[in-house]
Amino acid sequence: MTSQPHLNWANSTHHGASESLANKMMSRSESLRRSGAPTLYSLKHLALTAEVDYGFLLGVIRRKAPAYRAIRIPKNSGGFRDLLSPSESLMTVQRWVLHEILDKVPRHPNNFAYFRGVTARECADRHAGANWMIKADIHNYFPSITEKRVYEVFLGLGYSNLLSFELARLCTWSKTQTPEGPRASVRSSFGSHWSVPYPVLDQGVLPQGAPTSGSLANASTIRLDDALSALAAKHHLVYTRYSDDMTFSSAGRFERTVASGIVGEIRRIVTASGLELHARKTRLIPPGARKVVLGMLVNKEGVSILPEQRRMIDIYVHAVGKYGPVEYSVKRGFDSVLSFINHVEGWLAYLSHIDRDWTHARSRAWSEALERHFVLLKSLD
């Protein structure tokens, strides 16, 4: 396809398409052009464009192909996070969908997660100088974003009913994959009567670990961010969201009874959007109490690294300089010296976007401690 619509129309009719079909293709292309999304007419067109096997994509949509594997990774805060990692071919097509389609979806200004060039530090910065803070968390965020909501994202960009359904299936995951019939009618779950040539299955959800999940979650919750932003403006608050983590803050006076009422309004808005607040993670932080947003300390001076994180890095640097990385990694119970070094380097990389000067100095001290024991690694510049 070229950027010349009339020549595309002529080329289609020349290769056997009827004028009616060529007109439909042109209308679809122009509709997608207005939304900024690339032109795709069918699943086979997607397979050719993304250079992925068409039969494999059919298998994923029918929930028959091996599409994901479960992995468990340790969290910095302790414990583990369970993820679903797409197969190589599915990862290829999902990355294509992410970069060519979903990156075109506009960002809500109060949402900071899963956007290129937008950092968690920018999100925390919005609350610098706050006296009062309300923190809330969406429960089971990714598993609560259903296949229907994903379908509506692609439909809203201008893709056909069928291709929107297929794209939604390619970006979601379902535990139950037993077909109930040869064709799926989506009247009941998707709102309009049309059929697709795929098995009837339970609706899938966004898998945590797929490259498309963050952007699709953002795109499907824009109205939620609009409603919460309006609520914040009504009460003279600053609102931000980073994935499932929501923060509301005030620099002025704030009554506890008013805050309780606002929490109720937040819960109502989140519930109306089809999501659920995590009751145990909703809390009010008054003046004088320590305020932490996304693992960063927020105060009247701005945003900084938490004292306990600074102490952790200083302990690592001192201990490695004194005992060496091998002995100290065994003492701390790491699987290997390499996993320990990667752990520290990961923390330094993360903390550098909060306080680059402090982290740069500690990174040099870390490298010097390693070199003292003849371990040479390139650390942060």
Protein backbone atom coordinates (compact mmCIF):
# COMPACT_ATOMS: atom_id res chain seq x y z
CA MET A 1 0.00 0.00 0.00
CA THR A 2 1.12 3.53 -0.78
CA SER A 3 0.03 6.94 0.51
CA GLN A 4 -1.82 7.55 -2.79
CA PRO A 5 -5.44 6.43 -2.20
CA HIS A 6 -6.68 6.74 -5.78
CA LEU A 7 -3.76 4.72 -7.12
CA ASN A 8 -4.38 2.10 -4.43
CA TRP A 9 -8.02 1.93 -5.52
CA ALA A 10 -7.01 1.49 -9.16
CA ASN A 11 -4.44 -1.15 -8.24
CA SER A 12 -7.03 -3.12 -6.25
CA THR A 13 -9.54 -3.18 -9.12
CA HIS A 14 -6.76 -4.07 -11.55
CA HIS A 15 -5.94 -7.15 -9.46
CA GLY A 16 -9.52 -8.40 -9.43
CA ALA A 17 -11.26 -6.57 -6.60
CA SER A 18 -14.75 -5.27 -7.35
CA GLU A 19 -15.36 -1.53 -7.24
CA SER A 20 -17.52 -2.10 -4.16
CA LEU A 21 -14.68 -3.89 -2.33
CA ALA A 22 -12.14 -1.27 -3.46
CA ASN A 23 -14.42 1.47 -2.12
CA LYS A 24 -14.71 -0.31 1.25
CA MET A 25 -10.94 -0.74 1.42
CA MET A 26 -10.44 2.96 0.66
CA SER A 27 -12.98 4.00 3.31
CA ARG A 28 -11.29 1.77 5.90
CA SER A 29 -7.86 3.15 5.02
CA GLU A 30 -9.02 6.76 5.32
CA SER A 31 -10.74 6.05 8.66
CA LEU A 32 -7.52 4.55 10.06
CA ARG A 33 -5.50 7.43 8.67
CA ARG A 34 -7.56 9.88 10.76
CA SER A 35 -6.73 7.99 13.96
CA GLY A 36 -3.06 7.64 13.03
CA ALA A 37 -3.24 3.84 12.96
CA PRO A 38 -1.65 1.86 10.12
CA THR A 39 -3.86 0.33 7.43
CA LEU A 40 -4.70 -3.33 8.03
CA TYR A 41 -7.53 -5.09 6.20
CA SER A 42 -7.32 -8.62 7.58
CA LEU A 43 -5.43 -11.04 9.80
CA LYS A 44 -3.51 -12.28 6.77
CA HIS A 45 -2.51 -8.68 6.01
CA LEU A 46 -1.22 -8.39 9.60
CA ALA A 47 0.71 -11.67 9.26
CA LEU A 48 2.43 -10.48 6.07
CA THR A 49 3.14 -7.02 7.48
CA ALA A 50 4.55 -8.25 10.81
CA GLU A 51 6.25 -11.22 9.12
CA VAL A 52 4.60 -13.81 11.36
CA ASP A 53 3.11 -17.13 10.26
CA TYR A 54 -0.60 -16.77 9.46
CA GLY A 55 -1.41 -20.28 10.71
CA PHE A 56 0.21 -19.52 14.06
CA LEU A 57 -1.91 -16.39 14.47
CA LEU A 58 -5.05 -18.42 13.73
CA GLY A 59 -4.01 -20.89 16.42
CA VAL A 60 -3.52 -18.14 18.99
CA ILE A 61 -6.92 -16.61 18.19
CA ARG A 62 -8.55 -20.05 18.53
CA ARG A 63 -6.64 -20.44 21.84
CA LYS A 64 -4.98 -23.63 20.56
CA ALA A 65 -1.40 -22.53 19.87
CA PRO A 66 1.16 -22.48 22.73
CA ALA A 67 1.19 -18.73 23.24
CA TYR A 68 2.55 -18.01 26.74
CA ARG A 69 4.76 -19.51 29.40
CA ALA A 70 4.54 -18.65 33.08
CA ILE A 71 7.60 -17.13 34.72
CA ARG A 72 8.27 -15.84 38.23
CA ILE A 73 10.65 -12.96 38.93
CA PRO A 74 11.76 -11.55 42.29
CA LYS A 75 10.52 -8.08 43.31
CA ASN A 76 12.85 -5.46 44.77
CA SER A 77 10.47 -5.12 47.70
CA GLY A 78 10.57 -8.88 48.37
CA GLY A 79 8.45 -11.79 47.19
CA PHE A 80 7.78 -12.64 43.56
CA ARG A 81 5.78 -11.38 40.59
CA ASP A 82 4.11 -13.94 38.32
CA LEU A 83 4.21 -13.04 34.63
CA LEU A 84 3.10 -14.56 31.34
CA SER A 85 5.81 -14.36 28.69
CA PRO A 86 4.61 -14.55 25.04
CA SER A 87 6.17 -17.08 22.69
CA GLU A 88 8.73 -15.74 20.23
CA SER A 89 6.28 -15.39 17.33
CA LEU A 90 3.55 -13.86 19.48
CA MET A 91 6.09 -11.48 21.01
CA THR A 92 7.01 -10.36 17.48
CA VAL A 93 3.43 -9.56 16.48
CA GLN A 94 2.62 -7.93 19.84
CA ARG A 95 5.66 -5.67 19.56
CA TRP A 96 4.55 -4.72 16.06
CA VAL A 97 1.06 -3.91 17.37
CA LEU A 98 2.59 -1.89 20.22
CA HIS A 99 4.94 0.22 18.10
CA GLU A 100 2.85 0.60 14.95
CA ILE A 101 -0.66 0.87 16.45
CA LEU A 102 -0.78 1.49 20.19
CA ASP A 103 1.99 4.08 20.30
CA LYS A 104 -0.39 6.27 18.24
CA VAL A 105 -3.02 6.32 21.00
CA PRO A 106 -2.91 9.71 22.81
CA ARG A 107 -1.68 9.76 26.39
CA HIS A 108 -3.86 11.07 29.19
CA PRO A 109 -1.76 13.82 30.87
CA ASN A 110 -2.34 12.40 34.37
CA ASN A 111 -1.31 8.85 33.42
CA PHE A 112 2.44 8.19 33.52
CA ALA A 113 2.98 4.43 33.06
CA TYR A 114 3.95 2.60 29.83
CA PHE A 115 4.68 5.66 27.71
CA ARG A 116 7.98 6.21 25.93
CA GLY A 117 10.02 9.02 27.44
CA VAL A 118 7.75 9.37 30.49
CA THR A 119 9.24 8.41 33.87
CA ALA A 120 7.96 7.52 37.30
CA ARG A 121 9.94 10.51 38.62
CA GLU A 122 7.72 12.85 36.57
CA CYS A 123 4.67 11.28 38.22
CA ALA A 124 6.06 11.69 41.75
CA ASP A 125 7.16 15.28 40.96
CA ARG A 126 3.51 16.30 40.57
CA HIS A 127 3.01 15.81 44.33
CA ALA A 128 6.06 17.72 45.61
CA GLY A 129 5.06 20.08 48.43
CA ALA A 130 1.83 18.24 49.28
CA ASN A 131 0.49 18.36 52.85
CA TRP A 132 -2.24 15.75 52.51
CA MET A 133 -2.27 12.70 50.30
CA ILE A 134 -4.77 9.97 49.38
CA LYS A 135 -3.24 6.82 47.93
CA ALA A 136 -5.34 4.15 46.26
CA ASP A 137 -4.66 1.01 44.26
CA ILE A 138 -6.67 -0.82 41.59
CA HIS A 139 -7.11 -4.48 42.54
CA ASN A 140 -6.07 -7.09 39.92
CA TYR A 141 -5.50 -4.36 37.33
CA PHE A 142 -4.42 -6.31 34.24
CA PRO A 143 -6.69 -9.35 34.81
CA SER A 144 -9.63 -6.92 35.10
CA ILE A 145 -9.13 -5.54 31.56
CA THR A 146 -11.23 -7.89 29.45
CA GLU A 147 -11.08 -8.94 25.83
CA LYS A 148 -14.18 -6.83 25.16
CA ARG A 149 -12.45 -3.66 26.37
CA VAL A 150 -9.41 -4.45 24.24
CA TYR A 151 -11.67 -5.07 21.24
CA GLU A 152 -13.25 -1.63 21.78
CA VAL A 153 -9.80 0.01 21.71
CA PHE A 154 -9.03 -1.40 18.26
CA LEU A 155 -12.56 -0.73 17.02
CA GLY A 156 -12.26 2.88 18.15
CA LEU A 157 -9.10 3.27 16.08
CA GLY A 158 -11.06 2.35 12.96
CA TYR A 159 -10.41 -1.36 12.44
CA SER A 160 -13.21 -3.66 11.30
CA ASN A 161 -15.26 -5.71 13.76
CA LEU A 162 -13.53 -8.92 12.74
CA LEU A 163 -9.98 -7.60 12.77
CA SER A 164 -10.60 -5.79 16.09
CA PHE A 165 -11.77 -9.11 17.53
CA GLU A 166 -8.68 -10.89 16.16
CA LEU A 167 -6.32 -8.23 17.48
CA ALA A 168 -8.01 -8.43 20.88
CA ARG A 169 -7.52 -12.21 20.93
CA LEU A 170 -3.85 -11.82 19.99
CA CYS A 171 -3.29 -9.46 22.94
CA THR A 172 -5.27 -11.32 25.63
CA TRP A 173 -5.02 -14.64 27.43
CA SER A 174 -7.62 -17.06 28.74
CA LYS A 175 -7.24 -19.84 31.30
CA THR A 176 -10.14 -21.84 29.87
CA GLN A 177 -9.60 -22.76 26.25
CA THR A 178 -12.19 -25.45 25.54
CA PRO A 179 -14.32 -24.60 22.47
CA GLU A 180 -18.10 -24.69 22.93
CA GLY A 181 -19.01 -24.39 19.27
CA PRO A 182 -17.66 -23.79 15.77
CA ARG A 183 -18.49 -20.08 15.57
CA ALA A 184 -18.66 -17.24 18.04
CA SER A 185 -21.55 -14.81 18.05
CA VAL A 186 -20.52 -11.68 19.87
CA ARG A 187 -23.97 -10.18 20.28
CA SER A 188 -24.18 -10.77 24.04
CA SER A 189 -20.68 -9.78 25.09
CA PHE A 190 -19.62 -7.21 22.50
CA GLY A 191 -22.90 -5.37 22.07
CA SER A 192 -23.80 -5.95 18.40
CA HIS A 193 -24.87 -8.98 16.39
CA TRP A 194 -22.18 -10.35 14.13
CA SER A 195 -20.37 -13.68 13.99
CA VAL A 196 -16.73 -14.65 13.66
CA PRO A 197 -15.32 -17.96 12.42
CA TYR A 198 -13.72 -18.87 15.75
CA PRO A 199 -14.67 -21.05 18.73
CA VAL A 200 -16.83 -19.64 21.52
CA LEU A 201 -14.54 -19.20 24.52
CA ASP A 202 -14.55 -17.36 27.81
CA GLN A 203 -13.35 -13.80 27.40
CA GLY A 204 -9.62 -13.39 27.74
CA VAL A 205 -7.89 -10.74 29.83
CA LEU A 206 -4.66 -8.78 29.56
CA PRO A 207 -1.65 -10.94 30.49
CA GLN A 208 0.87 -9.24 32.74
CA GLY A 209 4.14 -9.66 30.88
CA ALA A 210 2.97 -9.05 27.30
CA PRO A 211 4.46 -5.91 25.67
CA THR A 212 1.00 -4.69 24.61
CA SER A 213 -0.72 -5.00 27.99
CA GLY A 214 0.37 -1.68 29.50
CA SER A 215 -0.65 0.40 26.47
CA LEU A 216 -3.95 -1.45 26.09
CA ALA A 217 -4.74 -0.95 29.78
CA ASN A 218 -4.03 2.77 29.36
CA ALA A 219 -6.15 3.05 26.22
CA SER A 220 -9.09 1.25 27.81
CA THR A 221 -9.07 3.43 30.96
CA ILE A 222 -8.90 6.93 29.46
CA ARG A 223 -12.48 7.64 30.61
CA LEU A 224 -11.51 6.54 34.13
CA ASP A 225 -8.63 9.04 34.14
CA ASP A 226 -10.98 11.75 32.83
CA ALA A 227 -13.47 11.09 35.63
CA LEU A 228 -10.82 10.96 38.37
CA SER A 229 -9.16 14.11 37.01
CA ALA A 230 -12.51 15.92 37.15
CA LEU A 231 -13.02 14.72 40.73
CA ALA A 232 -9.55 15.97 41.69
CA ALA A 233 -10.17 19.38 40.08
CA LYS A 234 -13.46 19.70 41.95
CA HIS A 235 -11.67 19.28 45.27
CA HIS A 236 -8.54 21.28 44.29
CA LEU A 237 -6.37 18.14 44.29
CA VAL A 238 -3.57 16.89 42.07
CA TYR A 239 -4.27 13.45 40.58
CA THR A 240 -1.81 11.01 38.98
CA ARG A 241 -1.94 7.36 38.02
CA TYR A 242 0.92 4.99 37.33
CA SER A 243 -0.56 1.66 36.20
CA ASP A 244 -2.69 0.55 39.18
CA ASP A 245 -1.22 3.13 41.58
CA MET A 246 -3.33 6.29 42.07
CA THR A 247 -2.36 9.34 44.12
CA PHE A 248 -4.39 12.43 45.06
CA SER A 249 -2.70 15.26 46.94
CA SER A 250 -3.42 18.69 48.38
CA ALA A 251 -1.08 21.52 49.37
CA GLY A 252 -3.76 23.25 51.43
CA ARG A 253 -5.95 22.41 54.43
CA PHE A 254 -7.82 19.17 54.26
CA GLU A 255 -10.35 17.71 56.66
CA ARG A 256 -10.34 13.99 57.38
CA THR A 257 -14.12 13.81 56.94
CA VAL A 258 -13.81 15.42 53.50
CA ALA A 259 -11.06 12.94 52.60
CA SER A 260 -13.30 10.02 53.56
CA GLY A 261 -16.00 11.35 51.28
CA ILE A 262 -13.50 11.69 48.41
CA VAL A 263 -12.37 8.09 48.90
CA GLY A 264 -16.00 7.05 48.53
CA GLU A 265 -16.26 9.03 45.29
CA ILE A 266 -13.04 7.45 44.00
CA ARG A 267 -14.42 3.99 44.76
CA ARG A 268 -17.68 4.79 42.97
CA ILE A 269 -15.88 6.02 39.85
CA VAL A 270 -13.48 3.06 39.75
CA THR A 271 -16.32 0.58 40.26
CA ALA A 272 -18.41 2.22 37.52
CA SER A 273 -15.47 1.71 35.15
CA GLY A 274 -15.56 -2.05 35.75
CA LEU A 275 -12.56 -2.10 38.07
CA GLU A 276 -12.17 -2.44 41.83
CA LEU A 277 -10.27 -0.54 44.52
CA HIS A 278 -7.88 -2.53 46.70
CA ALA A 279 -9.37 -1.89 50.15
CA ARG A 280 -6.18 -2.60 52.10
CA LYS A 281 -4.11 -0.26 49.91
CA THR A 282 -6.36 2.80 50.20
CA ARG A 283 -5.02 5.19 52.82
CA LEU A 284 -4.93 8.83 53.90
CA ILE A 285 -1.54 10.39 54.66
CA PRO A 286 -1.78 13.56 56.83
CA PRO A 287 0.69 16.45 57.27
CA GLY A 288 3.86 15.42 59.09
CA ALA A 289 3.70 11.82 57.93
CA ARG A 290 6.24 10.48 55.44
CA LYS A 291 4.93 10.65 51.88
CA VAL A 292 6.13 8.05 49.38
CA VAL A 293 5.02 7.94 45.76
CA LEU A 294 6.18 5.07 43.54
CA GLY A 295 9.04 4.27 45.92
CA MET A 296 10.25 7.89 46.05
CA LEU A 297 10.25 10.28 48.99
CA VAL A 298 8.10 13.35 48.28
CA ASN A 299 8.53 16.44 50.46
CA LYS A 300 8.58 20.24 50.29
CA GLU A 301 11.98 20.21 48.58
CA GLY A 302 10.86 17.88 45.79
CA VAL A 303 11.51 14.18 45.16
CA SER A 304 14.44 12.17 46.53
CA ILE A 305 15.70 8.67 47.17
CA LEU A 306 14.38 6.96 50.31
CA PRO A 307 16.89 6.94 53.22
CA GLU A 308 16.69 3.15 53.52
CA GLN A 309 17.59 2.79 49.84
CA ARG A 310 20.61 5.05 50.31
CA ARG A 311 21.68 2.97 53.33
CA MET A 312 21.25 -0.26 51.35
CA ILE A 313 23.56 0.95 48.56
CA ASP A 314 26.13 2.27 51.06
CA ILE A 315 26.13 -1.10 52.87
CA TYR A 316 26.64 -2.98 49.61
CA VAL A 317 29.53 -0.72 48.56
CA HIS A 318 31.24 -0.91 51.96
CA ALA A 319 30.78 -4.68 52.35
CA VAL A 320 31.98 -5.53 48.84
CA GLY A 321 35.04 -3.33 49.32
CA LYS A 322 35.81 -5.11 52.60
CA TYR A 323 34.86 -8.74 51.91
CA GLY A 324 34.68 -8.97 48.13
CA PRO A 325 31.61 -9.72 45.99
CA VAL A 326 31.93 -13.52 46.16
CA GLU A 327 32.07 -13.82 49.96
CA TYR A 328 29.42 -11.16 50.53
CA SER A 329 26.98 -12.60 47.95
CA VAL A 330 27.17 -15.95 49.77
CA LYS A 331 26.66 -14.23 53.12
CA ARG A 332 23.54 -12.45 51.82
CA GLY A 333 22.10 -15.66 50.30
CA PHE A 334 22.23 -14.78 46.61
CA ASP A 335 22.20 -17.63 44.08
CA SER A 336 25.48 -16.47 42.58
CA VAL A 337 27.90 -13.58 42.60
CA LEU A 338 26.55 -12.56 39.18
CA SER A 339 22.96 -12.36 40.47
CA PHE A 340 24.20 -10.20 43.38
CA ILE A 341 26.10 -7.83 41.08
CA ASN A 342 23.08 -7.61 38.74
CA HIS A 343 20.88 -6.85 41.77
CA VAL A 344 23.06 -3.91 42.84
CA GLU A 345 23.54 -2.61 39.29
CA GLY A 346 19.76 -2.78 38.80
CA TRP A 347 19.17 -0.68 41.89
CA LEU A 348 21.78 1.87 40.79
CA ALA A 349 20.15 2.14 37.37
CA TYR A 350 16.71 2.64 38.94
CA LEU A 351 17.89 5.22 41.50
CA SER A 352 19.79 7.22 38.87
CA HIS A 353 16.55 8.66 37.48
CA ILE A 354 15.66 9.97 40.95
CA ASP A 355 18.99 11.52 41.98
CA ARG A 356 21.62 11.27 39.25
CA ASP A 357 24.43 13.06 41.13
CA TRP A 358 24.16 10.89 44.26
CA THR A 359 23.84 7.70 42.20
CA HIS A 360 26.78 8.64 39.98
CA ALA A 361 29.02 9.00 43.04
CA ARG A 362 27.83 5.68 44.49
CA SER A 363 28.23 3.98 41.12
CA ARG A 364 31.87 5.02 40.98
CA ALA A 365 32.40 3.81 44.57
CA TRP A 366 30.73 0.50 43.63
CA SER A 367 33.02 0.04 40.62
CA GLU A 368 36.08 0.83 42.76
CA ALA A 369 34.97 -1.72 45.38
CA LEU A 370 34.66 -4.38 42.68
CA GLU A 371 38.00 -3.46 41.10
CA ARG A 372 39.65 -3.88 44.51
CA HIS A 373 38.81 -7.57 44.14
CA PHE A 374 39.69 -7.72 40.44
CA VAL A 375 36.12 -7.55 39.13
CA LEU A 376 35.79 -5.13 36.24
CA LEU A 377 32.30 -4.08 35.21
CA LYS A 378 31.05 -1.00 33.43
CA SER A 379 28.71 0.77 35.83
CA LEU A 380 26.68 3.94 35.40
CA ASP A 381 28.40 6.84 33.64
